[in-house]
C-alpha cells in the first residue's frame, strides 16, 4: 500500500470512528455497552443526536457521535461538530476573571461598581403584583461584590428563572442594568442569573480587551481550543449543529428546526453564553481543571486558584432546584434541592449517587442541552452535547444519566 493509500485509509478510519463511537480507548465491553445505549436513544428518537467525550487527567478515554446535526436534512453528527454551548461559557468566563484576580487587577471582595459605574444605586424588588404589574423597589442594602456575580448570589435573575423578571416592565425613565431589579440583597440567596454577563464586562473593563479577544489570547490559544469562539468562521459553518426545539406551545412534541436559525456571528459576546465549541475542545478545558490549572505543560490558572473555584463559595446558602418561568426550559430537577453548593463558576455536587460522580464534583450545562461534569476525586470528566430546547428536557437528562453511568463503568474497566 502506497503512502497516499495509507493516508486515505487512516482518514476513513477516523471518520468512521467519529460516526460510530469507536474512537479512543473504546474496545472494552463497557465502551460497547455505552455505544449501544447512546445509539439506542437516538434510534428511539429520544434525542436527535449526541456527541460525547470522557477524559481523565492524562487524555481522552472515549469519544462518540450518534444521530443527526440537522433533523430536516439528516446531516450526520461527527465528533468535531460545533455546538452553541450557551451557559457552558460561564466557567470559561469565570476562569478569565480568576486570572485577573491572580494578577491583582481586581479583588473578589471589591464592590463591582468600582469597575462598572452602571451598577451604582441598584434597586431591590420589595413587592410585585403579578396581575397588574405594579411594583415597589428599594435601594440595595449594600453594593454587590465581585464574588456575588461569580456565584449567582447577586440578586439578578433570568426571565426563564423568575416570573417577576419575565413580567417586569420598568416605568418610564427607570434603568435596570443586566436585565432587571435585584430579587434580593446580594449574598442572601442563590438564583441562576445574568451575573456572568456582569463578570464578562468586568473582564473587558479590567483587561482592556474585548471578551472574545481575551478568551482567545489567555485561554483558547494556550489550551489549544482551536474550535472555540463566539463568531464561527465561514469555513467551519458546515460543522455547526442546527438550532432545534421540541414542537408545540409547551415544547413537548417531536424535535424540529427553530425558525429562524441563528447565524455564524454573535453581535455582542457576553460572559453568560454564546460560545461555539466541540466536545474535544471542552474536554481540554475540563482536563486543565482536573490538572489543577495546567495542561500539556502550559499553566492557565494557579493550583490554589483552581482549588478556590472548586470550593463552596456561598457558605450556608444552598442551591435550590428552580421552577421554570418559560417553556424554553424545564424545571431544574437535576439539582439536589437545597443541598448542592456553588464555587467560582461551577455547581458543586454534595451527595454521592451510586454509579455516578463523587461529592465535590463540578458541573453545569447550556440551555440547548449541553452538559459537563468534572470529578476531581476520581480524576474523570465528561461532556455530552445535544442541541435542542427545552433545557433540562426529560429525555435529554435521561441520556445524560445513561452516559454518566457508562462513563464510570468504562473508567473502572480502563483501570
Protein backbone atom coordinates (compact mmCIF):
# COMPACT_ATOMS: atom_id res chain seq x y z
CA UNK A 1 0.00 0.00 0.00
CA UNK A 2 1.50 3.38 -1.03
CA UNK A 3 1.64 6.41 1.24
CA UNK A 4 -1.46 8.10 -0.25
CA UNK A 5 -3.46 4.92 0.21
CA UNK A 6 -2.32 4.65 3.83
CA UNK A 7 -3.31 8.28 4.46
CA UNK A 8 -6.71 7.71 2.86
CA UNK A 9 -7.33 4.58 4.91
CA UNK A 10 -6.38 6.44 8.08
CA UNK A 11 -8.72 9.33 7.25
CA UNK A 12 -11.61 6.95 6.53
CA UNK A 13 -10.93 5.14 9.79
CA UNK A 14 -11.00 8.37 11.77
CA UNK A 15 -14.24 9.47 10.12
CA UNK A 16 -15.83 6.09 10.74
CA UNK A 17 -14.76 6.18 14.37
CA UNK A 18 -16.34 9.59 14.78
CA UNK A 19 -19.66 8.39 13.42
CA UNK A 20 -19.88 5.05 15.15
CA UNK A 21 -18.47 5.83 18.57
CA UNK A 22 -15.32 3.73 18.22
CA UNK A 23 -12.67 6.45 18.65
CA UNK A 24 -10.20 6.45 21.51
CA UNK A 25 -9.90 3.74 24.18
CA UNK A 26 -13.16 2.12 23.17
CA UNK A 27 -12.58 -1.58 22.83
CA UNK A 28 -13.75 -2.69 26.27
CA UNK A 29 -17.11 -4.30 26.97
CA UNK A 30 -18.06 -1.18 28.95
CA UNK A 31 -17.50 1.04 25.91
CA UNK A 32 -19.58 -1.29 23.75
CA UNK A 33 -22.43 -1.09 26.25
CA UNK A 34 -22.16 2.72 26.28
CA UNK A 35 -22.11 2.87 22.48
CA UNK A 36 -25.24 0.71 22.35
CA UNK A 37 -27.08 2.77 24.97
CA UNK A 38 -26.40 6.07 23.19
CA UNK A 39 -27.20 4.66 19.75
CA UNK A 40 -30.44 3.17 21.04
CA UNK A 41 -31.52 6.54 22.49
CA UNK A 42 -31.05 8.09 19.05
CA UNK A 43 -32.78 5.20 17.27
CA UNK A 44 -35.77 5.56 19.62
CA UNK A 45 -35.78 9.28 18.71
CA UNK A 46 -35.44 10.23 22.37
CA UNK A 47 -32.90 12.78 21.12
CA UNK A 48 -31.94 13.65 17.53
CA UNK A 49 -28.22 13.22 18.13
CA UNK A 50 -25.47 13.27 20.70
CA UNK A 51 -21.70 13.81 20.84
CA UNK A 52 -19.83 12.69 23.96
CA UNK A 53 -16.35 12.69 25.43
CA UNK A 54 -14.82 11.19 28.57
CA UNK A 55 -11.37 12.21 29.77
CA UNK A 56 -9.11 11.57 32.70
CA UNK A 57 -6.09 13.65 33.71
CA UNK A 58 -3.90 12.09 31.01
CA UNK A 59 -6.18 12.17 27.99
CA UNK A 60 -9.36 11.14 26.25
CA UNK A 61 -10.81 7.76 27.24
CA UNK A 62 -13.85 7.75 24.98
CA UNK A 63 -15.49 9.76 22.21
CA UNK A 64 -18.64 9.12 20.23
CA UNK A 65 -21.09 10.73 17.85
CA UNK A 66 -24.54 9.36 17.03
CA UNK A 67 -27.51 10.76 15.17
CA UNK A 68 -28.03 13.91 13.15
CA UNK A 69 -26.91 17.51 13.34
CA UNK A 70 -29.99 18.69 11.47
CA UNK A 71 -33.36 16.94 11.74
CA UNK A 72 -34.52 18.44 8.44
CA UNK A 73 -31.63 17.29 6.24
CA UNK A 74 -30.34 14.29 8.18
CA UNK A 75 -26.80 15.70 8.16
CA UNK A 76 -24.85 13.37 10.45
CA UNK A 77 -23.18 14.46 13.66
CA UNK A 78 -19.43 13.97 13.87
CA UNK A 79 -17.16 14.26 16.86
CA UNK A 80 -15.88 17.62 15.58
CA UNK A 81 -19.39 19.07 15.24
CA UNK A 82 -19.70 22.61 16.61
CA UNK A 83 -22.34 23.25 19.26
CA UNK A 84 -23.59 26.53 20.69
CA UNK A 85 -22.73 25.69 24.30
CA UNK A 86 -24.64 28.63 25.84
CA UNK A 87 -24.08 28.67 29.62
CA UNK A 88 -21.14 26.29 29.41
CA UNK A 89 -19.49 29.61 28.53
CA UNK A 90 -19.85 30.65 32.17
CA UNK A 91 -16.99 28.52 33.61
CA UNK A 92 -14.69 29.95 30.92
CA UNK A 93 -15.73 33.50 31.84
CA UNK A 94 -15.11 32.65 35.49
CA UNK A 95 -11.66 31.34 34.56
CA UNK A 96 -10.86 34.63 32.81
CA UNK A 97 -11.90 36.68 35.84
CA UNK A 98 -9.89 34.49 38.19
CA UNK A 99 -6.81 35.04 36.03
CA UNK A 100 -7.23 38.78 36.62
CA UNK A 101 -7.69 38.15 40.35
CA UNK A 102 -4.40 36.24 40.33
CA UNK A 103 -2.70 39.24 38.74
CA UNK A 104 -4.04 41.59 41.42
CA UNK A 105 -6.02 43.63 38.88
CA UNK A 106 -9.36 43.02 40.61
CA UNK A 107 -10.41 41.72 44.03
CA UNK A 108 -13.16 39.25 44.83
CA UNK A 109 -14.33 41.47 47.68
CA UNK A 110 -14.28 44.67 45.64
CA UNK A 111 -17.66 46.30 45.03
CA UNK A 112 -18.36 45.61 41.35
CA UNK A 113 -19.47 49.23 40.90
CA UNK A 114 -15.80 50.22 41.33
CA UNK A 115 -15.27 48.95 37.78
CA UNK A 116 -18.81 49.24 36.37
CA UNK A 117 -20.44 52.56 37.37
CA UNK A 118 -23.76 51.37 35.92
CA UNK A 119 -24.05 49.09 38.96
CA UNK A 120 -24.32 52.03 41.36
CA UNK A 121 -27.65 52.66 43.12
CA UNK A 122 -29.13 49.24 42.35
CA UNK A 123 -32.71 48.57 43.41
CA UNK A 124 -34.30 45.51 45.01
CA UNK A 125 -37.88 44.39 44.38
CA UNK A 126 -39.91 44.95 47.55
CA UNK A 127 -43.25 43.87 46.09
CA UNK A 128 -44.63 42.84 42.71
CA UNK A 129 -48.27 42.40 41.70
CA UNK A 130 -48.40 39.63 39.11
CA UNK A 131 -51.88 40.70 37.97
CA UNK A 132 -51.34 44.41 37.48
CA UNK A 133 -47.56 44.57 37.11
CA UNK A 134 -47.36 47.21 39.84
CA UNK A 135 -44.20 47.08 41.90
CA UNK A 136 -42.19 48.72 44.62
CA UNK A 137 -38.42 48.82 44.73
CA UNK A 138 -35.98 49.95 47.40
CA UNK A 139 -32.26 50.71 47.46
CA UNK A 140 -29.95 47.72 47.81
CA UNK A 141 -28.74 47.19 51.39
CA UNK A 142 -25.10 47.07 50.30
CA UNK A 143 -23.38 47.08 46.90
CA UNK A 144 -22.82 43.61 45.36
CA UNK A 145 -19.23 42.40 45.43
CA UNK A 146 -17.37 40.77 42.55
CA UNK A 147 -17.75 37.37 44.26
CA UNK A 148 -21.56 37.72 44.27
CA UNK A 149 -21.58 37.78 40.47
CA UNK A 150 -19.29 34.75 40.23
CA UNK A 151 -21.65 32.75 42.47
CA UNK A 152 -25.15 33.80 41.30
CA UNK A 153 -25.82 35.42 44.67
CA UNK A 154 -26.01 38.95 43.28
CA UNK A 155 -29.81 39.13 43.23
CA UNK A 156 -30.06 39.15 39.43
CA UNK A 157 -32.16 36.57 37.55
CA UNK A 158 -33.24 35.49 34.06
CA UNK A 159 -36.77 35.79 32.60
CA UNK A 160 -36.90 31.97 32.45
CA UNK A 161 -35.84 31.60 36.10
CA UNK A 162 -38.06 34.34 37.56
CA UNK A 163 -41.71 35.17 36.87
CA UNK A 164 -41.01 38.67 38.20
CA UNK A 165 -38.27 39.25 35.63
CA UNK A 166 -40.43 37.63 32.94
CA UNK A 167 -43.29 40.06 33.58
CA UNK A 168 -41.45 43.15 34.86
CA UNK A 169 -41.94 46.33 32.83
CA UNK A 170 -39.95 49.31 34.16
CA UNK A 171 -41.56 52.70 34.47
CA UNK A 172 -40.51 55.47 32.12
CA UNK A 173 -37.07 56.75 32.97
CA UNK A 174 -36.05 53.75 35.12
CA UNK A 175 -32.94 51.82 34.11
CA UNK A 176 -32.04 48.33 35.30
CA UNK A 177 -28.63 47.11 34.09
CA UNK A 178 -28.21 43.47 33.11
CA UNK A 179 -31.92 42.78 32.85
CA UNK A 180 -33.92 43.90 35.85
CA UNK A 181 -34.07 44.81 39.53
CA UNK A 182 -32.47 42.58 42.13
CA UNK A 183 -34.74 39.93 43.64
CA UNK A 184 -32.90 40.09 46.99
CA UNK A 185 -29.93 41.76 48.64
CA UNK A 186 -26.56 40.38 47.49
CA UNK A 187 -25.42 37.28 49.33
CA UNK A 188 -28.83 36.37 50.76
CA UNK A 189 -29.75 33.64 48.26
CA UNK A 190 -28.64 31.78 45.15
CA UNK A 191 -30.60 32.39 41.97
CA UNK A 192 -29.49 31.48 38.45
CA UNK A 193 -28.97 34.72 36.59
CA UNK A 194 -27.26 37.11 34.21
CA UNK A 195 -24.50 37.51 36.82
CA UNK A 196 -21.85 36.11 34.49
CA UNK A 197 -22.73 38.76 31.94
CA UNK A 198 -21.52 41.19 34.60
CA UNK A 199 -18.38 39.09 35.07
CA UNK A 200 -17.79 39.26 31.31
CA UNK A 201 -17.98 43.05 31.39
CA UNK A 202 -15.59 43.09 34.34
CA UNK A 203 -13.12 41.03 32.31
CA UNK A 204 -13.37 43.50 29.43
CA UNK A 205 -13.03 46.63 31.57
CA UNK A 206 -10.19 45.34 33.74
CA UNK A 207 -8.22 43.71 30.90
CA UNK A 208 -8.88 46.35 28.27
CA UNK A 209 -9.76 43.63 25.75
CA UNK A 210 -12.98 42.55 24.12
CA UNK A 211 -14.21 39.28 25.59
CA UNK A 212 -13.56 37.12 22.54
CA UNK A 213 -10.04 38.50 22.18
CA UNK A 214 -9.28 37.95 25.87
CA UNK A 215 -10.58 34.37 25.76
CA UNK A 216 -8.56 33.63 22.64
CA UNK A 217 -5.28 35.07 23.94
CA UNK A 218 -5.40 33.81 27.52
CA UNK A 219 -7.47 30.59 27.42
CA UNK A 220 -8.16 29.17 23.97
CA UNK A 221 -4.71 29.51 22.38
CA UNK A 222 -2.83 28.26 25.48
CA UNK A 223 -5.20 25.28 25.78
CA UNK A 224 -5.25 24.64 22.01
CA UNK A 225 -9.04 25.01 21.98
CA UNK A 226 -8.85 25.80 18.29
CA UNK A 227 -12.56 25.35 17.55
CA UNK A 228 -13.99 27.53 20.34
CA UNK A 229 -15.19 31.07 19.59
CA UNK A 230 -18.23 33.31 19.66
CA UNK A 231 -18.03 34.04 15.94
CA UNK A 232 -17.78 30.90 13.82
CA UNK A 233 -15.56 31.25 10.72
CA UNK A 234 -17.47 30.70 7.49
CA UNK A 235 -15.28 27.73 6.61
CA UNK A 236 -16.44 25.98 9.80
CA UNK A 237 -20.10 26.80 9.23
CA UNK A 238 -20.99 23.35 7.81
CA UNK A 239 -19.88 21.81 11.13
CA UNK A 240 -22.28 23.93 13.22
CA UNK A 241 -25.21 21.92 14.56
CA UNK A 242 -28.65 23.30 13.69
CA UNK A 243 -30.69 25.07 16.37
CA UNK A 244 -33.65 22.80 17.19
CA UNK A 245 -36.53 22.51 19.65
CA UNK A 246 -39.43 20.30 20.56
CA UNK A 247 -42.57 21.29 18.69
CA UNK A 248 -45.70 22.67 20.35
CA UNK A 249 -46.57 25.55 22.62
CA UNK A 250 -45.19 23.66 25.61
CA UNK A 251 -42.24 22.26 23.65
CA UNK A 252 -43.26 18.66 24.27
CA UNK A 253 -43.53 17.33 20.70
CA UNK A 254 -41.04 15.98 18.19
CA UNK A 255 -37.77 17.84 17.63
CA UNK A 256 -37.97 20.32 14.74
CA UNK A 257 -35.81 23.14 13.43
CA UNK A 258 -36.02 26.54 15.05
CA UNK A 259 -37.08 29.33 12.73
CA UNK A 260 -35.13 31.46 12.07
CA UNK A 261 -31.75 29.80 12.53
CA UNK A 262 -29.04 31.70 14.39
CA UNK A 263 -26.20 32.98 12.21
CA UNK A 264 -22.48 32.36 12.48
CA UNK A 265 -21.75 35.65 14.21
CA UNK A 266 -22.59 36.99 17.66
CA UNK A 267 -23.20 40.73 17.59
CA UNK A 268 -22.30 41.32 21.24
CA UNK A 269 -20.46 38.50 23.03
CA UNK A 270 -21.43 38.16 26.69
CA UNK A 271 -19.94 36.30 29.61
CA UNK A 272 -23.05 34.25 30.30
CA UNK A 273 -23.26 32.41 26.99
CA UNK A 274 -22.80 32.39 23.25
CA UNK A 275 -19.65 30.36 22.60
CA UNK A 276 -19.50 27.66 19.97
CA UNK A 277 -17.26 24.70 20.78
CA UNK A 278 -16.65 21.00 20.28
CA UNK A 279 -16.63 18.13 22.74
CA UNK A 280 -12.89 17.78 22.17
CA UNK A 281 -12.19 21.45 22.94
CA UNK A 282 -14.32 21.42 26.06
CA UNK A 283 -12.56 18.23 27.06
CA UNK A 284 -9.28 20.15 27.03
CA UNK A 285 -10.79 22.80 29.32
CA UNK A 286 -12.04 20.10 31.71
CA UNK A 287 -8.68 18.35 31.67
CA UNK A 288 -7.00 21.63 32.62
CA UNK A 289 -9.25 21.86 35.67
CA UNK A 290 -8.56 18.20 36.54
CA UNK A 291 -4.84 19.02 36.40
CA UNK A 292 -5.12 21.98 38.78
CA UNK A 293 -4.84 24.67 36.12
CA UNK A 294 -2.26 23.14 33.79
CA UNK A 295 -2.48 21.25 30.50
CA UNK A 296 0.37 19.86 28.39
CA UNK A 297 2.92 21.91 30.29
CA UNK A 298 1.01 25.19 29.93
CA UNK A 299 -0.38 26.79 33.08
CA UNK A 300 -3.63 28.74 32.71
CA UNK A 301 -4.51 29.06 36.42
CA UNK A 302 -2.57 28.59 39.62
CA UNK A 303 -3.34 25.40 41.50
CA UNK A 304 -4.56 27.40 44.50
CA UNK A 305 -6.94 29.33 42.23
CA UNK A 306 -8.48 26.12 40.90
CA UNK A 307 -8.84 24.92 44.49
CA UNK A 308 -10.81 28.11 45.29
CA UNK A 309 -13.05 27.57 42.26
CA UNK A 310 -13.78 24.02 43.43
CA UNK A 311 -14.74 25.04 46.98
CA UNK A 312 -18.11 26.11 48.34
CA UNK A 313 -18.16 29.90 47.99
CA UNK A 314 -21.73 30.55 49.15
CA UNK A 315 -21.38 29.49 52.79
CA UNK A 316 -24.63 28.41 54.43
CA UNK A 317 -26.64 29.39 51.35
CA UNK A 318 -27.56 26.41 49.16
CA UNK A 319 -28.56 25.96 45.54
CA UNK A 320 -32.30 25.35 45.09
CA UNK A 321 -33.93 23.43 42.26
CA UNK A 322 -35.71 26.16 40.30
CA UNK A 323 -39.13 26.13 38.66
CA UNK A 324 -39.06 27.37 35.10
CA UNK A 325 -40.94 30.54 34.17
CA UNK A 326 -40.83 29.90 30.40
CA UNK A 327 -41.33 26.80 28.22
CA UNK A 328 -37.80 27.09 26.76
CA UNK A 329 -36.61 25.37 29.94
CA UNK A 330 -37.98 22.56 32.06
CA UNK A 331 -37.64 22.72 35.86
CA UNK A 332 -34.10 22.47 37.24
CA UNK A 333 -34.68 18.98 38.60
CA UNK A 334 -31.03 17.94 38.14
CA UNK A 335 -30.03 19.99 41.20
CA UNK A 336 -30.14 18.37 44.66
CA UNK A 337 -32.61 20.88 46.06
CA UNK A 338 -31.18 22.82 48.98
CA UNK A 339 -28.06 20.65 49.29
CA UNK A 340 -25.82 21.49 46.34
CA UNK A 341 -23.36 24.38 46.57
CA UNK A 342 -21.63 26.77 44.19
CA UNK A 343 -17.96 27.60 43.70
CA UNK A 344 -16.46 30.13 41.31
CA UNK A 345 -18.01 29.04 38.03
CA UNK A 346 -19.40 25.62 38.92
CA UNK A 347 -22.25 23.82 40.65
CA UNK A 348 -20.76 21.61 43.37
CA UNK A 349 -22.38 18.21 43.94
CA UNK A 350 -22.71 17.35 47.63
CA UNK A 351 -24.37 13.91 47.52
CA UNK A 352 -22.90 10.63 46.32
CA UNK A 353 -25.23 8.88 43.88
CA UNK A 354 -24.28 5.23 43.32
CA UNK A 355 -22.65 4.73 39.94
CA UNK A 356 -22.20 8.44 39.29
CA UNK A 357 -19.98 11.40 40.20
CA UNK A 358 -18.30 11.87 43.57
CA UNK A 359 -19.18 14.52 46.15
CA UNK A 360 -17.23 17.66 45.32
CA UNK A 361 -17.72 17.22 41.57
CA UNK A 362 -18.16 20.34 39.44
CA UNK A 363 -20.75 20.72 36.72
CA UNK A 364 -23.13 22.83 34.71
CA UNK A 365 -24.78 22.92 31.29
CA UNK A 366 -26.09 25.04 28.46
CA UNK A 367 -29.70 25.78 27.57
CA UNK A 368 -29.53 23.70 24.37
CA UNK A 369 -28.88 20.56 26.46
CA UNK A 370 -25.10 20.53 26.51
CA UNK A 371 -23.72 19.33 29.85
CA UNK A 372 -20.44 18.53 31.58
CA UNK A 373 -19.10 17.34 34.91
CA UNK A 374 -15.60 17.26 36.41
CA UNK A 375 -14.85 14.80 39.22
CA UNK A 376 -11.54 15.80 40.90
CA UNK A 377 -11.80 12.97 43.44
CA UNK A 378 -11.92 10.26 40.76
CA UNK A 379 -9.87 12.14 38.16
CA UNK A 380 -12.51 11.87 35.44
CA UNK A 381 -14.65 14.32 33.49
CA UNK A 382 -17.28 14.05 30.79
CA UNK A 383 -19.26 16.20 28.41
CA UNK A 384 -22.38 15.34 26.45
CA UNK A 385 -23.64 17.65 23.72
CA UNK A 386 -27.09 17.81 22.21
CA UNK A 387 -28.66 20.88 20.56
CA UNK A 388 -32.32 21.46 21.17
CA UNK A 389 -34.78 23.10 23.54
CA UNK A 390 -36.20 22.93 26.15
CA UNK A 391 -33.32 22.94 28.61
CA UNK A 392 -33.36 20.02 31.06
CA UNK A 393 -35.68 18.08 28.74
CA UNK A 394 -36.56 14.83 30.50
CA UNK A 395 -35.30 12.64 27.64
CA UNK A 396 -32.07 14.62 27.35
CA UNK A 397 -31.46 14.25 31.08
CA UNK A 398 -32.12 10.50 30.82
CA UNK A 399 -29.47 10.18 28.09
CA UNK A 400 -27.11 12.28 30.23
CA UNK A 401 -27.70 9.92 33.16
CA UNK A 402 -27.02 6.88 30.98
CA UNK A 403 -23.85 8.47 29.65
CA UNK A 404 -22.50 9.38 33.08
CA UNK A 405 -23.13 5.91 34.49
CA UNK A 406 -21.47 4.41 31.43
CA UNK A 407 -18.50 6.73 31.87
CA UNK A 408 -17.78 5.40 35.35
CA UNK A 409 -18.14 1.82 34.17
CA UNK A 410 -15.72 2.50 31.35
CA UNK A 411 -13.23 4.28 33.62
CA UNK A 412 -13.38 1.36 36.06
CA UNK A 413 -12.68 -1.06 33.23
CA UNK A 414 -9.75 1.05 31.99
CA UNK A 415 -8.11 0.85 35.42
